[in-house]
C-alpha atoms as a PDB file:
ATOM      1  CA  UNK A   1     -49.379  21.585 -15.981  1.00  0.00           C
ATOM      2  CA  UNK A   2     -49.689  25.980 -16.591  1.00  0.00           C
ATOM      3  CA  UNK A   3     -48.438  28.600 -13.771  1.00  0.00           C
ATOM      4  CA  UNK A   4     -50.247  30.291 -12.241  1.00  0.00           C
ATOM      5  CA  UNK A   5     -49.933  34.226 -13.928  1.00  0.00           C
ATOM      6  CA  UNK A   6     -52.563  36.348 -11.785  1.00  0.00           C
ATOM      7  CA  UNK A   7     -54.078  35.535  -8.677  1.00  0.00           C
ATOM      8  CA  UNK A   8     -57.634  37.776  -7.693  1.00  0.00           C
ATOM      9  CA  UNK A   9     -57.995  38.107  -3.364  1.00  0.00           C
ATOM     10  CA  UNK A  10     -61.160  38.628  -1.613  1.00  0.00           C
ATOM     11  CA  UNK A  11     -59.652  40.474   1.082  1.00  0.00           C
ATOM     12  CA  UNK A  12     -61.950  40.461   4.968  1.00  0.00           C
ATOM     13  CA  UNK A  13     -61.592  40.274   7.945  1.00  0.00           C
ATOM     14  CA  UNK A  14     -61.061  36.579   8.870  1.00  0.00           C
ATOM     15  CA  UNK A  15     -61.460  34.723   5.883  1.00  0.00           C
ATOM     16  CA  UNK A  16     -59.913  35.377   2.480  1.00  0.00           C
ATOM     17  CA  UNK A  17     -60.501  33.718  -0.795  1.00  0.00           C
ATOM     18  CA  UNK A  18     -57.950  33.404  -4.028  1.00  0.00           C
ATOM     19  CA  UNK A  19     -58.646  32.735  -7.166  1.00  0.00           C
ATOM     20  CA  UNK A  20     -55.619  32.191  -9.734  1.00  0.00           C
ATOM     21  CA  UNK A  21     -55.084  31.889 -13.384  1.00  0.00           C
ATOM     22  CA  UNK A  22     -52.699  31.049 -16.123  1.00  0.00           C
ATOM     23  CA  UNK A  23     -52.334  34.007 -18.798  1.00  0.00           C
ATOM     24  CA  UNK A  24     -54.914  32.425 -20.911  1.00  0.00           C
ATOM     25  CA  UNK A  25     -57.249  33.061 -17.785  1.00  0.00           C
ATOM     26  CA  UNK A  26     -57.803  29.497 -18.140  1.00  0.00           C
ATOM     27  CA  UNK A  27     -58.926  29.021 -13.632  1.00  0.00           C
ATOM     28  CA  UNK A  28     -56.163  26.610 -11.617  1.00  0.00           C
ATOM     29  CA  UNK A  29     -57.531  27.524  -8.607  1.00  0.00           C
ATOM     30  CA  UNK A  30     -60.072  28.886  -5.697  1.00  0.00           C
ATOM     31  CA  UNK A  31     -59.624  28.228  -2.373  1.00  0.00           C
ATOM     32  CA  UNK A  32     -60.227  29.727   1.122  1.00  0.00           C
ATOM     33  CA  UNK A  33     -57.468  30.693   3.306  1.00  0.00           C
ATOM     34  CA  UNK A  34     -57.581  31.947   6.275  1.00  0.00           C
ATOM     35  CA  UNK A  35     -56.208  35.620   7.905  1.00  0.00           C
ATOM     36  CA  UNK A  36     -53.232  33.706   9.836  1.00  0.00           C
ATOM     37  CA  UNK A  37     -52.656  31.284   6.722  1.00  0.00           C
ATOM     38  CA  UNK A  38     -52.905  34.035   4.222  1.00  0.00           C
ATOM     39  CA  UNK A  39     -49.006  35.053   3.761  1.00  0.00           C
ATOM     40  CA  UNK A  40     -47.829  31.335   4.390  1.00  0.00           C
ATOM     41  CA  UNK A  41     -50.179  30.575   0.881  1.00  0.00           C
ATOM     42  CA  UNK A  42     -48.406  34.003  -0.858  1.00  0.00           C
ATOM     43  CA  UNK A  43     -44.965  32.718  -0.115  1.00  0.00           C
ATOM     44  CA  UNK A  44     -45.286  29.399  -1.960  1.00  0.00           C
ATOM     45  CA  UNK A  45     -46.888  31.079  -5.133  1.00  0.00           C
ATOM     46  CA  UNK A  46     -44.108  32.051  -7.618  1.00  0.00           C
ATOM     47  CA  UNK A  47     -44.108  36.126  -7.294  1.00  0.00           C
ATOM     48  CA  UNK A  48     -47.057  37.260 -10.401  1.00  0.00           C
ATOM     49  CA  UNK A  49     -49.584  40.612 -10.202  1.00  0.00           C
ATOM     50  CA  UNK A  50     -51.848  40.035  -7.794  1.00  0.00           C
ATOM     51  CA  UNK A  51     -54.561  42.268  -8.566  1.00  0.00           C
ATOM     52  CA  UNK A  52     -57.022  43.310  -4.769  1.00  0.00           C
ATOM     53  CA  UNK A  53     -59.782  44.681  -4.503  1.00  0.00           C
ATOM     54  CA  UNK A  54     -59.603  49.003  -3.343  1.00  0.00           C
ATOM     55  CA  UNK A  55     -61.507  48.572  -0.263  1.00  0.00           C
ATOM     56  CA  UNK A  56     -60.571  48.624   4.257  1.00  0.00           C
ATOM     57  CA  UNK A  57     -57.392  46.353   4.846  1.00  0.00           C
ATOM     58  CA  UNK A  58     -56.738  46.900   0.820  1.00  0.00           C
ATOM     59  CA  UNK A  59     -53.561  48.737   1.274  1.00  0.00           C
ATOM     60  CA  UNK A  60     -51.924  46.970   4.228  1.00  0.00           C
ATOM     61  CA  UNK A  61     -52.234  43.543   2.760  1.00  0.00           C
ATOM     62  CA  UNK A  62     -50.487  45.486  -0.866  1.00  0.00           C
ATOM     63  CA  UNK A  63     -47.568  46.696   0.766  1.00  0.00           C
ATOM     64  CA  UNK A  64     -47.279  42.911   2.562  1.00  0.00           C
ATOM     65  CA  UNK A  65     -47.648  41.014  -1.020  1.00  0.00           C
ATOM     66  CA  UNK A  66     -45.463  43.788  -2.273  1.00  0.00           C
ATOM     67  CA  UNK A  67     -41.972  43.436   0.077  1.00  0.00           C
ATOM     68  CA  UNK A  68     -43.091  39.570  -1.007  1.00  0.00           C
ATOM     69  CA  UNK A  69     -41.857  40.192  -4.715  1.00  0.00           C
ATOM     70  CA  UNK A  70     -45.547  40.240  -5.971  1.00  0.00           C
ATOM     71  CA  UNK A  71     -46.939  42.472  -8.159  1.00  0.00           C
ATOM     72  CA  UNK A  72     -50.196  44.208  -6.570  1.00  0.00           C
ATOM     73  CA  UNK A  73     -52.646  45.920  -8.318  1.00  0.00           C
ATOM     74  CA  UNK A  74     -55.830  47.713  -6.345  1.00  0.00           C
ATOM     75  CA  UNK A  75     -58.670  47.642  -8.656  1.00  0.00           C
ATOM     76  CA  UNK A  76     -61.466  50.393  -8.196  1.00  0.00           C
ATOM     77  CA  UNK A  77     -64.521  48.051  -6.863  1.00  0.00           C
ATOM     78  CA  UNK A  78     -66.879  49.636  -9.344  1.00  0.00           C
ATOM     79  CA  UNK A  79     -64.268  48.447 -11.850  1.00  0.00           C
ATOM     80  CA  UNK A  80     -64.790  44.732 -11.231  1.00  0.00           C
ATOM     81  CA  UNK A  81     -68.565  44.865 -10.534  1.00  0.00           C
ATOM     82  CA  UNK A  82     -69.189  43.993 -14.003  1.00  0.00           C
ATOM     83  CA  UNK A  83     -67.519  41.314 -14.230  1.00  0.00           C
ATOM     84  CA  UNK A  84     -69.332  39.831 -10.622  1.00  0.00           C
ATOM     85  CA  UNK A  85     -71.655  36.137 -12.167  1.00  0.00           C
ATOM     86  CA  UNK A  86     -74.244  34.934 -10.610  1.00  0.00           C
ATOM     87  CA  UNK A  87     -74.743  33.986  -7.396  1.00  0.00           C
ATOM     88  CA  UNK A  88     -72.386  36.590  -5.560  1.00  0.00           C
ATOM     89  CA  UNK A  89     -70.262  34.985  -3.123  1.00  0.00           C
ATOM     90  CA  UNK A  90     -66.252  35.201  -2.228  1.00  0.00           C
ATOM     91  CA  UNK A  91     -65.486  33.041  -4.610  1.00  0.00           C
ATOM     92  CA  UNK A  92     -67.278  34.776  -7.617  1.00  0.00           C
ATOM     93  CA  UNK A  93     -65.588  37.578  -6.133  1.00  0.00           C
ATOM     94  CA  UNK A  94     -62.109  36.433  -6.112  1.00  0.00           C
ATOM     95  CA  UNK A  95     -62.833  35.669  -9.974  1.00  0.00           C
ATOM     96  CA  UNK A  96     -64.042  39.176 -11.032  1.00  0.00           C
ATOM     97  CA  UNK A  97     -61.477  40.411  -9.416  1.00  0.00           C
ATOM     98  CA  UNK A  98     -58.706  38.196 -11.249  1.00  0.00           C
ATOM     99  CA  UNK A  99     -60.861  38.011 -14.023  1.00  0.00           C
ATOM    100  CA  UNK A 100     -60.841  42.357 -14.048  1.00  0.00           C
ATOM    101  CA  UNK A 101     -56.586  42.781 -13.365  1.00  0.00           C
ATOM    102  CA  UNK A 102     -56.266  40.829 -16.830  1.00  0.00           C
ATOM    103  CA  UNK A 103     -58.050  43.271 -19.027  1.00  0.00           C
ATOM    104  CA  UNK A 104     -55.477  45.773 -20.650  1.00  0.00           C
ATOM    105  CA  UNK A 105     -57.008  48.555 -20.211  1.00  0.00           C
ATOM    106  CA  UNK A 106     -57.523  47.968 -16.291  1.00  0.00           C
ATOM    107  CA  UNK A 107     -56.360  51.497 -14.325  1.00  0.00           C
ATOM    108  CA  UNK A 108     -55.378  51.036 -11.725  1.00  0.00           C
ATOM    109  CA  UNK A 109     -55.084  52.605  -7.458  1.00  0.00           C
ATOM    110  CA  UNK A 110     -51.365  53.371  -6.206  1.00  0.00           C
ATOM    111  CA  UNK A 111     -50.266  52.008  -2.981  1.00  0.00           C
ATOM    112  CA  UNK A 112     -50.962  54.228   0.066  1.00  0.00           C
ATOM    113  CA  UNK A 113     -47.858  54.156   2.756  1.00  0.00           C
ATOM    114  CA  UNK A 114     -48.862  53.957   5.823  1.00  0.00           C
ATOM    115  CA  UNK A 115     -47.703  57.630   5.750  1.00  0.00           C
ATOM    116  CA  UNK A 116     -50.017  58.243   3.095  1.00  0.00           C
ATOM    117  CA  UNK A 117     -52.748  57.399   5.569  1.00  0.00           C
ATOM    118  CA  UNK A 118     -51.747  58.489   8.587  1.00  0.00           C
ATOM    119  CA  UNK A 119     -51.277  62.037   7.245  1.00  0.00           C
ATOM    120  CA  UNK A 120     -55.481  60.956   5.554  1.00  0.00           C
ATOM    121  CA  UNK A 121     -56.579  60.173   8.710  1.00  0.00           C
ATOM    122  CA  UNK A 122     -55.758  63.520  10.477  1.00  0.00           C
ATOM    123  CA  UNK A 123     -58.272  65.109   8.130  1.00  0.00           C
ATOM    124  CA  UNK A 124     -60.636  61.823   8.452  1.00  0.00           C
ATOM    125  CA  UNK A 125     -60.466  62.909  12.271  1.00  0.00           C
ATOM    126  CA  UNK A 126     -60.861  66.451  11.783  1.00  0.00           C
ATOM    127  CA  UNK A 127     -63.799  65.771   9.818  1.00  0.00           C
ATOM    128  CA  UNK A 128     -65.794  63.199  12.815  1.00  0.00           C
ATOM    129  CA  UNK A 129     -65.075  66.058  14.764  1.00  0.00           C
ATOM    130  CA  UNK A 130     -66.532  68.531  12.945  1.00  0.00           C
ATOM    131  CA  UNK A 131     -69.625  66.184  12.113  1.00  0.00           C
ATOM    132  CA  UNK A 132     -70.308  65.483  15.820  1.00  0.00           C
ATOM    133  CA  UNK A 133     -69.783  69.213  16.735  1.00  0.00           C
ATOM    134  CA  UNK A 134     -72.473  69.799  14.655  1.00  0.00           C
ATOM    135  CA  UNK A 135     -74.566  67.354  15.470  1.00  0.00           C
ATOM    136  CA  UNK A 136     -74.588  68.465  19.348  1.00  0.00           C
ATOM    137  CA  UNK A 137     -74.710  72.040  18.744  1.00  0.00           C
ATOM    138  CA  UNK A 138     -77.985  70.751  16.951  1.00  0.00           C
ATOM    139  CA  UNK A 139     -78.917  68.735  19.868  1.00  0.00           C
ATOM    140  CA  UNK A 140     -78.372  71.887  21.995  1.00  0.00           C
ATOM    141  CA  UNK A 141     -80.119  74.505  19.576  1.00  0.00           C
ATOM    142  CA  UNK A 142     -83.462  72.353  19.101  1.00  0.00           C
ATOM    143  CA  UNK A 143     -83.765  71.524  23.658  1.00  0.00           C
ATOM    144  CA  UNK A 144     -83.454  75.190  24.168  1.00  0.00           C
ATOM    145  CA  UNK A 145     -85.950  75.633  21.367  1.00  0.00           C
ATOM    146  CA  UNK A 146     -88.658  73.452  23.645  1.00  0.00           C
ATOM    147  CA  UNK A 147     -87.897  75.921  26.751  1.00  0.00           C
ATOM    148  CA  UNK A 148     -88.360  78.763  24.115  1.00  0.00           C
ATOM    149  CA  UNK A 149     -84.951  79.944  24.083  1.00  0.00           C
ATOM    150  CA  UNK A 150     -84.047  80.253  20.349  1.00  0.00           C
ATOM    151  CA  UNK A 151     -79.948  81.003  19.428  1.00  0.00           C
ATOM    152  CA  UNK A 152     -78.420  81.715  16.729  1.00  0.00           C
ATOM    153  CA  UNK A 153     -76.783  80.064  14.184  1.00  0.00           C
ATOM    154  CA  UNK A 154     -73.264  78.797  13.772  1.00  0.00           C
ATOM    155  CA  UNK A 155     -70.350  77.413  16.702  1.00  0.00           C
ATOM    156  CA  UNK A 156     -69.514  81.274  17.567  1.00  0.00           C
ATOM    157  CA  UNK A 157     -73.387  81.558  19.111  1.00  0.00           C
ATOM    158  CA  UNK A 158     -74.104  78.415  20.972  1.00  0.00           C
ATOM    159  CA  UNK A 159     -69.721  79.159  23.007  1.00  0.00           C
ATOM    160  CA  UNK A 160     -71.372  81.223  24.156  1.00  0.00           C
ATOM    161  CA  UNK A 161     -73.754  79.235  26.351  1.00  0.00           C
ATOM    162  CA  UNK A 162     -71.278  78.299  29.463  1.00  0.00           C
ATOM    163  CA  UNK A 163     -72.202  82.014  30.318  1.00  0.00           C
ATOM    164  CA  UNK A 164     -75.813  82.082  30.108  1.00  0.00           C
ATOM    165  CA  UNK A 165     -76.944  78.223  31.587  1.00  0.00           C
ATOM    166  CA  UNK A 166     -75.288  80.799  34.907  1.00  0.00           C
ATOM    167  CA  UNK A 167     -77.532  83.618  34.265  1.00  0.00           C
ATOM    168  CA  UNK A 168     -81.409  84.112  33.529  1.00  0.00           C
ATOM    169  CA  UNK A 169     -81.389  80.965  30.692  1.00  0.00           C
ATOM    170  CA  UNK A 170     -80.001  78.740  33.420  1.00  0.00           C
ATOM    171  CA  UNK A 171     -83.165  79.681  36.152  1.00  0.00           C
ATOM    172  CA  UNK A 172     -85.644  79.250  33.815  1.00  0.00           C
ATOM    173  CA  UNK A 173     -84.603  75.631  32.974  1.00  0.00           C
ATOM    174  CA  UNK A 174     -86.675  72.860  34.513  1.00  0.00           C
ATOM    175  CA  UNK A 175     -84.347  71.485  37.432  1.00  0.00           C
ATOM    176  CA  UNK A 176     -83.618  68.467  35.444  1.00  0.00           C
ATOM    177  CA  UNK A 177     -82.997  69.874  31.911  1.00  0.00           C
ATOM    178  CA  UNK A 178     -79.820  71.813  33.566  1.00  0.00           C
ATOM    179  CA  UNK A 179     -77.260  69.616  34.375  1.00  0.00           C
ATOM    180  CA  UNK A 180     -77.926  68.167  30.573  1.00  0.00           C
ATOM    181  CA  UNK A 181     -77.404  71.301  29.031  1.00  0.00           C
ATOM    182  CA  UNK A 182     -74.272  71.477  30.956  1.00  0.00           C
ATOM    183  CA  UNK A 183     -73.235  68.053  29.549  1.00  0.00           C
ATOM    184  CA  UNK A 184     -73.776  69.322  26.473  1.00  0.00           C
ATOM    185  CA  UNK A 185     -71.875  72.473  27.242  1.00  0.00           C
ATOM    186  CA  UNK A 186     -68.931  70.896  28.020  1.00  0.00           C
ATOM    187  CA  UNK A 187     -68.848  68.285  25.333  1.00  0.00           C
ATOM    188  CA  UNK A 188     -68.743  70.856  22.783  1.00  0.00           C
ATOM    189  CA  UNK A 189     -65.807  72.910  24.249  1.00  0.00           C
ATOM    190  CA  UNK A 190     -64.018  69.570  24.644  1.00  0.00           C
ATOM    191  CA  UNK A 191     -64.776  68.797  20.494  1.00  0.00           C
ATOM    192  CA  UNK A 192     -64.010  72.535  20.528  1.00  0.00           C
ATOM    193  CA  UNK A 193     -60.508  71.927  21.873  1.00  0.00           C
ATOM    194  CA  UNK A 194     -59.509  68.893  19.723  1.00  0.00           C
ATOM    195  CA  UNK A 195     -60.649  70.392  16.367  1.00  0.00           C
ATOM    196  CA  UNK A 196     -58.103  73.509  17.740  1.00  0.00           C
ATOM    197  CA  UNK A 197     -55.144  70.861  18.114  1.00  0.00           C
ATOM    198  CA  UNK A 198     -56.402  69.064  14.886  1.00  0.00           C
ATOM    199  CA  UNK A 199     -55.642  72.257  12.996  1.00  0.00           C
ATOM    200  CA  UNK A 200     -52.060  73.079  14.640  1.00  0.00           C
ATOM    201  CA  UNK A 201     -51.416  69.324  13.530  1.00  0.00           C
ATOM    202  CA  UNK A 202     -52.754  70.318   9.646  1.00  0.00           C
ATOM    203  CA  UNK A 203     -50.166  73.164   9.942  1.00  0.00           C
ATOM    204  CA  UNK A 204     -47.410  71.372  10.938  1.00  0.00           C
ATOM    205  CA  UNK A 205     -47.221  69.232   7.831  1.00  0.00           C
ATOM    206  CA  UNK A 206     -48.533  71.956   6.030  1.00  0.00           C
ATOM    207  CA  UNK A 207     -45.505  73.440   7.041  1.00  0.00           C
ATOM    208  CA  UNK A 208     -43.674  69.899   6.506  1.00  0.00           C
ATOM    209  CA  UNK A 209     -44.622  69.489   2.878  1.00  0.00           C
ATOM    210  CA  UNK A 210     -42.217  70.725   0.161  1.00  0.00           C
ATOM    211  CA  UNK A 211     -45.508  70.830  -2.410  1.00  0.00           C
ATOM    212  CA  UNK A 212     -47.990  71.878   0.372  1.00  0.00           C
ATOM    213  CA  UNK A 213     -45.903  74.830   1.622  1.00  0.00           C
ATOM    214  CA  UNK A 214     -45.267  75.421  -2.897  1.00  0.00           C
ATOM    215  CA  UNK A 215     -48.879  75.987  -2.637  1.00  0.00           C
ATOM    216  CA  UNK A 216     -49.688  78.063   0.039  1.00  0.00           C
ATOM    217  CA  UNK A 217     -47.596  80.638  -1.566  1.00  0.00           C
ATOM    218  CA  UNK A 218     -51.066  81.330  -3.722  1.00  0.00           C
ATOM    219  CA  UNK A 219     -53.074  84.221  -2.589  1.00  0.00           C
ATOM    220  CA  UNK A 220     -55.631  82.715  -0.747  1.00  0.00           C
ATOM    221  CA  UNK A 221     -54.793  79.216  -0.395  1.00  0.00           C
ATOM    222  CA  UNK A 222     -56.477  77.202   2.233  1.00  0.00           C
ATOM    223  CA  UNK A 223     -53.513  75.930   3.610  1.00  0.00           C
ATOM    224  CA  UNK A 224     -54.943  72.630   4.892  1.00  0.00           C
ATOM    225  CA  UNK A 225     -55.638  72.028   0.315  1.00  0.00           C
ATOM    226  CA  UNK A 226     -52.252  71.064  -0.355  1.00  0.00           C
ATOM    227  CA  UNK A 227     -52.370  68.114   2.149  1.00  0.00           C
ATOM    228  CA  UNK A 228     -55.030  66.883   0.662  1.00  0.00           C
ATOM    229  CA  UNK A 229     -54.549  66.024  -2.330  1.00  0.00           C
ATOM    230  CA  UNK A 230     -52.832  62.564  -2.892  1.00  0.00           C
ATOM    231  CA  UNK A 231     -49.366  61.827  -4.839  1.00  0.00           C
ATOM    232  CA  UNK A 232     -51.470  61.086  -8.120  1.00  0.00           C
ATOM    233  CA  UNK A 233     -53.686  64.476  -8.459  1.00  0.00           C
ATOM    234  CA  UNK A 234     -50.081  66.385  -7.399  1.00  0.00           C
ATOM    235  CA  UNK A 235     -49.382  66.274 -10.951  1.00  0.00           C
ATOM    236  CA  UNK A 236     -51.947  65.575 -13.191  1.00  0.00           C
ATOM    237  CA  UNK A 237     -51.530  64.226 -16.244  1.00  0.00           C
ATOM    238  CA  UNK A 238     -53.340  65.660 -19.947  1.00  0.00           C
ATOM    239  CA  UNK A 239     -53.221  64.237 -23.036  1.00  0.00           C
ATOM    240  CA  UNK A 240     -52.293  65.622 -26.039  1.00  0.00           C
ATOM    241  CA  UNK A 241     -55.546  66.362 -27.078  1.00  0.00           C
ATOM    242  CA  UNK A 242     -55.695  68.382 -23.800  1.00  0.00           C
ATOM    243  CA  UNK A 243     -53.271  70.993 -24.073  1.00  0.00           C
ATOM    244  CA  UNK A 244     -54.490  72.406 -27.125  1.00  0.00           C
ATOM    245  CA  UNK A 245     -57.148  74.068 -25.147  1.00  0.00           C
ATOM    246  CA  UNK A 246     -56.806  77.563 -23.498  1.00  0.00           C
ATOM    247  CA  UNK A 247     -56.589  77.077 -19.243  1.00  0.00           C
ATOM    248  CA  UNK A 248     -59.497  77.194 -17.233  1.00  0.00           C
ATOM    249  CA  UNK A 249     -60.669  74.628 -19.653  1.00  0.00           C
ATOM    250  CA  UNK A 250     -61.518  71.289 -20.360  1.00  0.00           C
ATOM    251  CA  UNK A 251     -63.034  68.549 -21.633  1.00  0.00           C
ATOM    252  CA  UNK A 252     -65.735  66.528 -20.697  1.00  0.00           C
ATOM    253  CA  UNK A 253     -67.086  63.333 -21.316  1.00  0.00           C
ATOM    254  CA  UNK A 254     -70.146  62.840 -23.290  1.00  0.00           C
ATOM    255  CA  UNK A 255     -72.659  59.235 -24.280  1.00  0.00           C
ATOM    256  CA  UNK A 256     -71.944  59.972 -27.961  1.00  0.00           C
ATOM    257  CA  UNK A 257     -69.426  62.802 -28.151  1.00  0.00           C
ATOM    258  CA  UNK A 258     -67.056  64.435 -26.264  1.00  0.00           C
ATOM    259  CA  UNK A 259     -67.795  68.207 -25.419  1.00  0.00           C
ATOM    260  CA  UNK A 260     -65.644  70.328 -23.947  1.00  0.00           C
ATOM    261  CA  UNK A 261     -67.025  73.119 -21.232  1.00  0.00           C
ATOM    262  CA  UNK A 262     -65.695  75.588 -19.333  1.00  0.00           C
ATOM    263  CA  UNK A 263     -64.291  74.139 -15.749  1.00  0.00           C
END
C-alpha cells in the first residue's frame, strides 16, 4: 500500500475534513475529523506536507502541526478555487487543497507567529475604532440636520458638541432628543480616548522594532507605516530582469505581453 505523501485539510470551527494522497496524486483516504481529535489524528500520520487554505484559524493550526513535525503549507483560497470540482463540500475542498499543494509552481503563504498576529490585531482594532467613530460622527451630524443644526465635517468640529449641547443647541432640541445626543457625544469621547491609546501602543511598537526604526529615519515617513509591513514584504525580491529597470519603474503583467509602467 502506498504511503501518504500530502494531506489536504479543510478547516472549520468544529468539523474538519482531511484528504490524503500518495506521491502520484492517488487518493488514499478522505475522512471527517472533529476538532477535539484533529491533533490525535495527525499524530498517527507519517510526517508529510499538510496543506491548508490561508483563512481564519489557519495560522494557529499551522503552528500546531509544525510542532508535530509536519511541513505545513498555506495556500491562498484564490489558488485553490480552480481545483474545486462540482458539488462543492468539505470533502471536495480538502481534495482541491491537496491537489493544489502538489503543483510544482504553487505559491504559498508564510506562517505567522503569535507575535506577528498580535501586532496585526493592534492595527485592526484601531481601524475598527476609527470606523466606529466615523459612523457615530455621521449619525450625530445627520440627526442634528433634522433640527436645523449643520456641523462642519471632521472629528475636531464634532468634538465641540459637548459644550454646545449645554448652550443654545441643547435648549432648542426636543426633550427626548437631548439625552440621546449626549449619549452619542459621550461615546465619541470614549472612542477618541481608545484611538489615542492605540496610537501610543503603535508608537511604542515602532520604537522597539529594528526595521521600523530604520524606516522612520526617512523624512516624512508615517510612524505607524513600518509595522504594517509583513516580514516577507520588508525585503522585496526582484527578478533578474527587474534589475534592468530604472528606480521608480515596475513591470506590469499584461494579458498577452509584459508592459513596463511608472510605479
